[in-house]
Amino acid sequence: TLDCGTCNFGGDEIFVNTENTIIEFAEKMNAR
């Protein structure tokens, strides 16, 4: 999976996916 954004999951829980995180994950998946 490749999550493409940040989302408030309720209360103080934030699922963080910055643009740089998305790029990093995509590049590492591409390499493999």
PDB file of all heavy atoms in Angstrom:
ATOM      1  N   THR A   1       0.823  -1.205   0.000  1.00  0.00           N
ATOM      2  CA  THR A   1       0.000   0.000   0.000  1.00  0.00           C
ATOM      3  C   THR A   1       0.858   1.255   0.000  1.00  0.00           C
ATOM      4  O   THR A   1       1.963   1.275   0.548  1.00  0.00           O
ATOM      5  CB  THR A   1      -0.938   0.025   1.209  1.00  0.00           C
ATOM      6  OG1 THR A   1      -0.162  -0.050   2.415  1.00  0.00           O
ATOM      7  CG2 THR A   1      -1.916  -1.137   1.150  1.00  0.00           C
ATOM      8  N   LEU A   2       0.323   2.314  -0.606  1.00  0.00           N
ATOM      9  CA  LEU A   2       0.976   3.625  -0.648  1.00  0.00           C
ATOM     10  C   LEU A   2      -0.078   4.666  -0.284  1.00  0.00           C
ATOM     11  O   LEU A   2      -0.946   4.998  -1.100  1.00  0.00           O
ATOM     12  CB  LEU A   2       1.554   3.895  -2.042  1.00  0.00           C
ATOM     13  CG  LEU A   2       2.177   5.274  -2.252  1.00  0.00           C
ATOM     14  CD1 LEU A   2       3.380   5.474  -1.329  1.00  0.00           C
ATOM     15  CD2 LEU A   2       2.583   5.475  -3.711  1.00  0.00           C
ATOM     16  N   ASP A   3      -0.011   5.156   0.949  1.00  0.00           N
ATOM     17  CA  ASP A   3      -0.981   6.154   1.411  1.00  0.00           C
ATOM     18  C   ASP A   3      -0.588   7.522   0.884  1.00  0.00           C
ATOM     19  O   ASP A   3       0.556   7.952   1.040  1.00  0.00           O
ATOM     20  CB  ASP A   3      -1.020   6.166   2.939  1.00  0.00           C
ATOM     21  CG  ASP A   3      -1.561   4.862   3.501  1.00  0.00           C
ATOM     22  OD1 ASP A   3      -2.789   4.715   3.521  1.00  0.00           O
ATOM     23  OD2 ASP A   3      -0.757   4.002   3.907  1.00  0.00           O
ATOM     24  N   CYS A   4      -1.563   8.218   0.271  1.00  0.00           N
ATOM     25  CA  CYS A   4      -1.236   9.452  -0.452  1.00  0.00           C
ATOM     26  C   CYS A   4      -1.757  10.712   0.219  1.00  0.00           C
ATOM     27  O   CYS A   4      -2.073  11.695  -0.456  1.00  0.00           O
ATOM     28  CB  CYS A   4      -1.730   9.354  -1.893  1.00  0.00           C
ATOM     29  SG  CYS A   4      -0.550   8.442  -2.925  1.00  0.00           S
ATOM     30  N   GLY A   5      -1.824  10.720   1.543  1.00  0.00           N
ATOM     31  CA  GLY A   5      -2.192  11.939   2.239  1.00  0.00           C
ATOM     32  C   GLY A   5      -2.334  11.717   3.724  1.00  0.00           C
ATOM     33  O   GLY A   5      -2.317  10.592   4.221  1.00  0.00           O
ATOM     34  N   THR A   6      -2.454  12.828   4.441  1.00  0.00           N
ATOM     35  CA  THR A   6      -2.602  12.832   5.895  1.00  0.00           C
ATOM     36  C   THR A   6      -4.080  12.887   6.249  1.00  0.00           C
ATOM     37  O   THR A   6      -4.870  13.529   5.557  1.00  0.00           O
ATOM     38  CB  THR A   6      -1.851  14.034   6.491  1.00  0.00           C
ATOM     39  OG1 THR A   6      -0.445  13.849   6.256  1.00  0.00           O
ATOM     40  CG2 THR A   6      -2.096  14.183   7.983  1.00  0.00           C
ATOM     41  N   CYS A   7      -4.456  12.205   7.341  1.00  0.00           N
ATOM     42  CA  CYS A   7      -5.870  12.135   7.708  1.00  0.00           C
ATOM     43  C   CYS A   7      -6.028  12.180   9.222  1.00  0.00           C
ATOM     44  O   CYS A   7      -5.241  11.573   9.954  1.00  0.00           O
ATOM     45  CB  CYS A   7      -6.462  10.836   7.166  1.00  0.00           C
ATOM     46  SG  CYS A   7      -8.253  10.752   7.211  1.00  0.00           S
ATOM     47  N   ASN A   8      -7.028  12.924   9.703  1.00  0.00           N
ATOM     48  CA  ASN A   8      -7.397  12.911  11.113  1.00  0.00           C
ATOM     49  C   ASN A   8      -8.226  11.666  11.391  1.00  0.00           C
ATOM     50  O   ASN A   8      -9.321  11.516  10.860  1.00  0.00           O
ATOM     51  CB  ASN A   8      -8.219  14.155  11.470  1.00  0.00           C
ATOM     52  CG  ASN A   8      -7.408  15.426  11.431  1.00  0.00           C
ATOM     53  OD1 ASN A   8      -6.252  15.438  11.832  1.00  0.00           O
ATOM     54  ND2 ASN A   8      -8.006  16.495  10.939  1.00  0.00           N
ATOM     55  N   PHE A   9      -7.710  10.793  12.255  1.00  0.00           N
ATOM     56  CA  PHE A   9      -8.406   9.545  12.542  1.00  0.00           C
ATOM     57  C   PHE A   9      -9.286   9.624  13.788  1.00  0.00           C
ATOM     58  O   PHE A   9      -9.874   8.636  14.193  1.00  0.00           O
ATOM     59  CB  PHE A   9      -7.402   8.398  12.692  1.00  0.00           C
ATOM     60  CG  PHE A   9      -7.012   7.748  11.395  1.00  0.00           C
ATOM     61  CD1 PHE A   9      -6.035   6.765  11.378  1.00  0.00           C
ATOM     62  CD2 PHE A   9      -7.611   8.087  10.192  1.00  0.00           C
ATOM     63  CE1 PHE A   9      -5.667   6.138  10.192  1.00  0.00           C
ATOM     64  CE2 PHE A   9      -7.254   7.478   8.998  1.00  0.00           C
ATOM     65  CZ  PHE A   9      -6.278   6.494   9.002  1.00  0.00           C
ATOM     66  N   GLY A  10      -9.368  10.794  14.397  1.00  0.00           N
ATOM     67  CA  GLY A  10     -10.214  10.950  15.576  1.00  0.00           C
ATOM     68  C   GLY A  10      -9.392  11.311  16.800  1.00  0.00           C
ATOM     69  O   GLY A  10      -8.267  10.827  16.973  1.00  0.00           O
ATOM     70  N   GLY A  11      -9.975  12.165  17.652  1.00  0.00           N
ATOM     71  CA  GLY A  11      -9.247  12.604  18.839  1.00  0.00           C
ATOM     72  C   GLY A  11      -7.938  13.266  18.452  1.00  0.00           C
ATOM     73  O   GLY A  11      -7.916  14.171  17.622  1.00  0.00           O
ATOM     74  N   ASP A  12      -6.855  12.800  19.042  1.00  0.00           N
ATOM     75  CA  ASP A  12      -5.534  13.348  18.726  1.00  0.00           C
ATOM     76  C   ASP A  12      -4.769  12.482  17.724  1.00  0.00           C
ATOM     77  O   ASP A  12      -3.591  12.730  17.471  1.00  0.00           O
ATOM     78  CB  ASP A  12      -4.692  13.482  20.011  1.00  0.00           C
ATOM     79  CG  ASP A  12      -5.225  14.551  20.949  1.00  0.00           C
ATOM     80  OD1 ASP A  12      -5.707  15.583  20.444  1.00  0.00           O
ATOM     81  OD2 ASP A  12      -5.175  14.344  22.178  1.00  0.00           O
ATOM     82  N   GLU A  13      -5.416  11.458  17.142  1.00  0.00           N
ATOM     83  CA  GLU A  13      -4.724  10.559  16.235  1.00  0.00           C
ATOM     84  C   GLU A  13      -4.682  11.140  14.825  1.00  0.00           C
ATOM     85  O   GLU A  13      -5.726  11.357  14.203  1.00  0.00           O
ATOM     86  CB  GLU A  13      -5.403   9.188  16.214  1.00  0.00           C
ATOM     87  CG  GLU A  13      -5.205   8.386  17.482  1.00  0.00           C
ATOM     88  CD  GLU A  13      -5.487   6.916  17.288  1.00  0.00           C
ATOM     89  OE1 GLU A  13      -6.056   6.537  16.243  1.00  0.00           O
ATOM     90  OE2 GLU A  13      -5.141   6.134  18.190  1.00  0.00           O
ATOM     91  N   ILE A  14      -3.482  11.384  14.341  1.00  0.00           N
ATOM     92  CA  ILE A  14      -3.277  11.901  12.987  1.00  0.00           C
ATOM     93  C   ILE A  14      -2.399  10.913  12.233  1.00  0.00           C
ATOM     94  O   ILE A  14      -1.281  10.600  12.656  1.00  0.00           O
ATOM     95  CB  ILE A  14      -2.613  13.285  13.000  1.00  0.00           C
ATOM     96  CG1 ILE A  14      -3.435  14.281  13.823  1.00  0.00           C
ATOM     97  CG2 ILE A  14      -2.433  13.805  11.575  1.00  0.00           C
ATOM     98  CD1 ILE A  14      -2.764  15.630  14.009  1.00  0.00           C
ATOM     99  N   PHE A  15      -2.921  10.417  11.118  1.00  0.00           N
ATOM    100  CA  PHE A  15      -2.162   9.508  10.249  1.00  0.00           C
ATOM    101  C   PHE A  15      -1.398  10.378   9.265  1.00  0.00           C
ATOM    102  O   PHE A  15      -1.973  10.919   8.318  1.00  0.00           O
ATOM    103  CB  PHE A  15      -3.112   8.556   9.552  1.00  0.00           C
ATOM    104  CG  PHE A  15      -2.442   7.548   8.655  1.00  0.00           C
ATOM    105  CD1 PHE A  15      -1.260   6.923   9.035  1.00  0.00           C
ATOM    106  CD2 PHE A  15      -3.004   7.209   7.440  1.00  0.00           C
ATOM    107  CE1 PHE A  15      -0.648   5.986   8.217  1.00  0.00           C
ATOM    108  CE2 PHE A  15      -2.417   6.269   6.616  1.00  0.00           C
ATOM    109  CZ  PHE A  15      -1.231   5.659   7.004  1.00  0.00           C
ATOM    110  N   VAL A  16      -0.088  10.516   9.488  1.00  0.00           N
ATOM    111  CA  VAL A  16       0.718  11.499   8.776  1.00  0.00           C
ATOM    112  C   VAL A  16       1.401  10.876   7.567  1.00  0.00           C
ATOM    113  O   VAL A  16       2.116   9.878   7.677  1.00  0.00           O
ATOM    114  CB  VAL A  16       1.774  12.115   9.719  1.00  0.00           C
ATOM    115  CG1 VAL A  16       2.667  13.094   8.944  1.00  0.00           C
ATOM    116  CG2 VAL A  16       1.100  12.812  10.891  1.00  0.00           C
ATOM    117  N   ASN A  17       1.179  11.500   6.403  1.00  0.00           N
ATOM    118  CA  ASN A  17       1.859  11.134   5.162  1.00  0.00           C
ATOM    119  C   ASN A  17       2.165  12.422   4.411  1.00  0.00           C
ATOM    120  O   ASN A  17       1.346  12.913   3.641  1.00  0.00           O
ATOM    121  CB  ASN A  17       0.994  10.213   4.306  1.00  0.00           C
ATOM    122  CG  ASN A  17       0.770   8.858   4.933  1.00  0.00           C
ATOM    123  OD1 ASN A  17       1.637   7.995   4.906  1.00  0.00           O
ATOM    124  ND2 ASN A  17      -0.396   8.681   5.547  1.00  0.00           N
ATOM    125  N   THR A  18       3.343  12.985   4.668  1.00  0.00           N
ATOM    126  CA  THR A  18       3.734  14.198   3.971  1.00  0.00           C
ATOM    127  C   THR A  18       4.062  13.870   2.511  1.00  0.00           C
ATOM    128  O   THR A  18       4.227  12.695   2.137  1.00  0.00           O
ATOM    129  CB  THR A  18       4.975  14.831   4.614  1.00  0.00           C
ATOM    130  OG1 THR A  18       6.104  13.954   4.411  1.00  0.00           O
ATOM    131  CG2 THR A  18       4.774  15.055   6.113  1.00  0.00           C
ATOM    132  N   GLU A  19       4.173  14.895   1.695  1.00  0.00           N
ATOM    133  CA  GLU A  19       4.547  14.670   0.299  1.00  0.00           C
ATOM    134  C   GLU A  19       5.887  13.949   0.211  1.00  0.00           C
ATOM    135  O   GLU A  19       6.054  13.019  -0.593  1.00  0.00           O
ATOM    136  CB  GLU A  19       4.601  15.983  -0.467  1.00  0.00           C
ATOM    137  CG  GLU A  19       4.917  15.791  -1.943  1.00  0.00           C
ATOM    138  CD  GLU A  19       4.891  17.087  -2.736  1.00  0.00           C
ATOM    139  OE1 GLU A  19       5.186  18.151  -2.148  1.00  0.00           O
ATOM    140  OE2 GLU A  19       4.592  17.035  -3.938  1.00  0.00           O
ATOM    141  N   ASN A  20       6.833  14.337   1.045  1.00  0.00           N
ATOM    142  CA  ASN A  20       8.142  13.690   1.012  1.00  0.00           C
ATOM    143  C   ASN A  20       8.058  12.229   1.446  1.00  0.00           C
ATOM    144  O   ASN A  20       8.772  11.371   0.904  1.00  0.00           O
ATOM    145  CB  ASN A  20       9.139  14.441   1.891  1.00  0.00           C
ATOM    146  CG  ASN A  20       9.589  15.748   1.265  1.00  0.00           C
ATOM    147  OD1 ASN A  20       9.479  15.943   0.061  1.00  0.00           O
ATOM    148  ND2 ASN A  20      10.099  16.658   2.089  1.00  0.00           N
ATOM    149  N   THR A  21       7.182  11.937   2.400  1.00  0.00           N
ATOM    150  CA  THR A  21       6.975  10.538   2.809  1.00  0.00           C
ATOM    151  C   THR A  21       6.436   9.731   1.643  1.00  0.00           C
ATOM    152  O   THR A  21       6.908   8.619   1.354  1.00  0.00           O
ATOM    153  CB  THR A  21       5.990  10.461   3.991  1.00  0.00           C
ATOM    154  OG1 THR A  21       6.625  11.006   5.152  1.00  0.00           O
ATOM    155  CG2 THR A  21       5.557   9.034   4.276  1.00  0.00           C
ATOM    156  N   ILE A  22       5.448  10.273   0.948  1.00  0.00           N
ATOM    157  CA  ILE A  22       4.848   9.551  -0.180  1.00  0.00           C
ATOM    158  C   ILE A  22       5.893   9.291  -1.263  1.00  0.00           C
ATOM    159  O   ILE A  22       5.983   8.184  -1.812  1.00  0.00           O
ATOM    160  CB  ILE A  22       3.652  10.340  -0.746  1.00  0.00           C
ATOM    161  CG1 ILE A  22       2.586  10.551   0.338  1.00  0.00           C
ATOM    162  CG2 ILE A  22       3.048   9.611  -1.943  1.00  0.00           C
ATOM    163  CD1 ILE A  22       1.576  11.639   0.001  1.00  0.00           C
ATOM    164  N   ILE A  23       6.697  10.296  -1.564  1.00  0.00           N
ATOM    165  CA  ILE A  23       7.745  10.140  -2.572  1.00  0.00           C
ATOM    166  C   ILE A  23       8.757   9.078  -2.136  1.00  0.00           C
ATOM    167  O   ILE A  23       9.157   8.210  -2.930  1.00  0.00           O
ATOM    168  CB  ILE A  23       8.437  11.486  -2.846  1.00  0.00           C
ATOM    169  CG1 ILE A  23       7.477  12.438  -3.569  1.00  0.00           C
ATOM    170  CG2 ILE A  23       9.727  11.289  -3.651  1.00  0.00           C
ATOM    171  CD1 ILE A  23       7.982  13.865  -3.674  1.00  0.00           C
ATOM    172  N   GLU A  24       9.163   9.129  -0.876  1.00  0.00           N
ATOM    173  CA  GLU A  24      10.128   8.138  -0.368  1.00  0.00           C
ATOM    174  C   GLU A  24       9.580   6.718  -0.505  1.00  0.00           C
ATOM    175  O   GLU A  24      10.271   5.812  -0.996  1.00  0.00           O
ATOM    176  CB  GLU A  24      10.455   8.428   1.096  1.00  0.00           C
ATOM    177  CG  GLU A  24      11.390   7.391   1.721  1.00  0.00           C
ATOM    178  CD  GLU A  24      11.539   7.531   3.223  1.00  0.00           C
ATOM    179  OE1 GLU A  24      10.934   8.448   3.819  1.00  0.00           O
ATOM    180  OE2 GLU A  24      12.267   6.701   3.813  1.00  0.00           O
ATOM    181  N   PHE A  25       8.339   6.532  -0.081  1.00  0.00           N
ATOM    182  CA  PHE A  25       7.743   5.198  -0.151  1.00  0.00           C
ATOM    183  C   PHE A  25       7.622   4.739  -1.606  1.00  0.00           C
ATOM    184  O   PHE A  25       7.918   3.592  -1.930  1.00  0.00           O
ATOM    185  CB  PHE A  25       6.365   5.197   0.513  1.00  0.00           C
ATOM    186  CG  PHE A  25       6.380   5.130   2.018  1.00  0.00           C
ATOM    187  CD1 PHE A  25       7.343   5.795   2.763  1.00  0.00           C
ATOM    188  CD2 PHE A  25       5.416   4.420   2.697  1.00  0.00           C
ATOM    189  CE1 PHE A  25       7.350   5.752   4.149  1.00  0.00           C
ATOM    190  CE2 PHE A  25       5.409   4.348   4.084  1.00  0.00           C
ATOM    191  CZ  PHE A  25       6.378   5.017   4.809  1.00  0.00           C
ATOM    192  N   ALA A  26       7.189   5.642  -2.492  1.00  0.00           N
ATOM    193  CA  ALA A  26       7.028   5.283  -3.902  1.00  0.00           C
ATOM    194  C   ALA A  26       8.366   4.902  -4.530  1.00  0.00           C
ATOM    195  O   ALA A  26       8.466   3.912  -5.266  1.00  0.00           O
ATOM    196  CB  ALA A  26       6.391   6.438  -4.668  1.00  0.00           C
ATOM    197  N   GLU A  27       9.402   5.679  -4.251  1.00  0.00           N
ATOM    198  CA  GLU A  27      10.716   5.395  -4.838  1.00  0.00           C
ATOM    199  C   GLU A  27      11.255   4.045  -4.359  1.00  0.00           C
ATOM    200  O   GLU A  27      11.834   3.279  -5.147  1.00  0.00           O
ATOM    201  CB  GLU A  27      11.694   6.513  -4.480  1.00  0.00           C
ATOM    202  CG  GLU A  27      11.427   7.823  -5.205  1.00  0.00           C
ATOM    203  CD  GLU A  27      12.464   8.874  -4.907  1.00  0.00           C
ATOM    204  OE1 GLU A  27      12.921   8.955  -3.748  1.00  0.00           O
ATOM    205  OE2 GLU A  27      12.815   9.633  -5.832  1.00  0.00           O
ATOM    206  N   LYS A  28      11.041   3.742  -3.084  1.00  0.00           N
ATOM    207  CA  LYS A  28      11.557   2.473  -2.560  1.00  0.00           C
ATOM    208  C   LYS A  28      10.764   1.292  -3.104  1.00  0.00           C
ATOM    209  O   LYS A  28      11.334   0.213  -3.348  1.00  0.00           O
ATOM    210  CB  LYS A  28      11.564   2.507  -1.034  1.00  0.00           C
ATOM    211  CG  LYS A  28      12.650   3.450  -0.510  1.00  0.00           C
ATOM    212  CD  LYS A  28      12.769   3.472   0.998  1.00  0.00           C
ATOM    213  CE  LYS A  28      13.961   4.343   1.408  1.00  0.00           C
ATOM    214  NZ  LYS A  28      14.108   4.444   2.882  1.00  0.00           N
ATOM    215  N   MET A  29       9.477   1.471  -3.330  1.00  0.00           N
ATOM    216  CA  MET A  29       8.694   0.411  -3.963  1.00  0.00           C
ATOM    217  C   MET A  29       9.124   0.233  -5.418  1.00  0.00           C
ATOM    218  O   MET A  29       9.272  -0.895  -5.908  1.00  0.00           O
ATOM    219  CB  MET A  29       7.204   0.730  -3.877  1.00  0.00           C
ATOM    220  CG  MET A  29       6.621   0.615  -2.491  1.00  0.00           C
ATOM    221  SD  MET A  29       4.828   0.933  -2.496  1.00  0.00           S
ATOM    222  CE  MET A  29       4.588   1.327  -0.764  1.00  0.00           C
ATOM    223  N   ASN A  30       9.315   1.330  -6.128  1.00  0.00           N
ATOM    224  CA  ASN A  30       9.759   1.254  -7.524  1.00  0.00           C
ATOM    225  C   ASN A  30      11.075   0.502  -7.649  1.00  0.00           C
ATOM    226  O   ASN A  30      11.267  -0.307  -8.570  1.00  0.00           O
ATOM    227  CB  ASN A  30       9.922   2.660  -8.110  1.00  0.00           C
ATOM    228  CG  ASN A  30       8.607   3.382  -8.308  1.00  0.00           C
ATOM    229  OD1 ASN A  30       7.555   2.757  -8.404  1.00  0.00           O
ATOM    230  ND2 ASN A  30       8.662   4.699  -8.366  1.00  0.00           N
ATOM    231  N   ALA A  31      11.997   0.763  -6.731  1.00  0.00           N
ATOM    232  CA  ALA A  31      13.321   0.144  -6.792  1.00  0.00           C
ATOM    233  C   ALA A  31      13.233  -1.371  -6.648  1.00  0.00           C
ATOM    234  O   ALA A  31      14.113  -2.099  -7.138  1.00  0.00           O
ATOM    235  CB  ALA A  31      14.219   0.729  -5.713  1.00  0.00           C
ATOM    236  N   ARG A  32      12.185  -1.847  -6.005  1.00  0.00           N
ATOM    237  CA  ARG A  32      12.012  -3.281  -5.778  1.00  0.00           C
ATOM    238  C   ARG A  32      10.979  -3.913  -6.719  1.00  0.00           C
ATOM    239  O   ARG A  32      10.667  -5.098  -6.594  1.00  0.00           O
ATOM    240  CB  ARG A  32      11.618  -3.540  -4.318  1.00  0.00           C
ATOM    241  CG  ARG A  32      12.723  -3.222  -3.322  1.00  0.00           C
ATOM    242  CD  ARG A  32      12.273  -3.418  -1.883  1.00  0.00           C
ATOM    243  NE  ARG A  32      13.384  -3.229  -0.959  1.00  0.00           N
ATOM    244  CZ  ARG A  32      14.229  -4.178  -0.560  1.00  0.00           C
ATOM    245  NH1 ARG A  32      14.078  -5.419  -1.026  1.00  0.00           N
ATOM    246  NH2 ARG A  32      15.216  -3.923   0.277  1.00  0.00           N
TER     247      ARG A  32
END
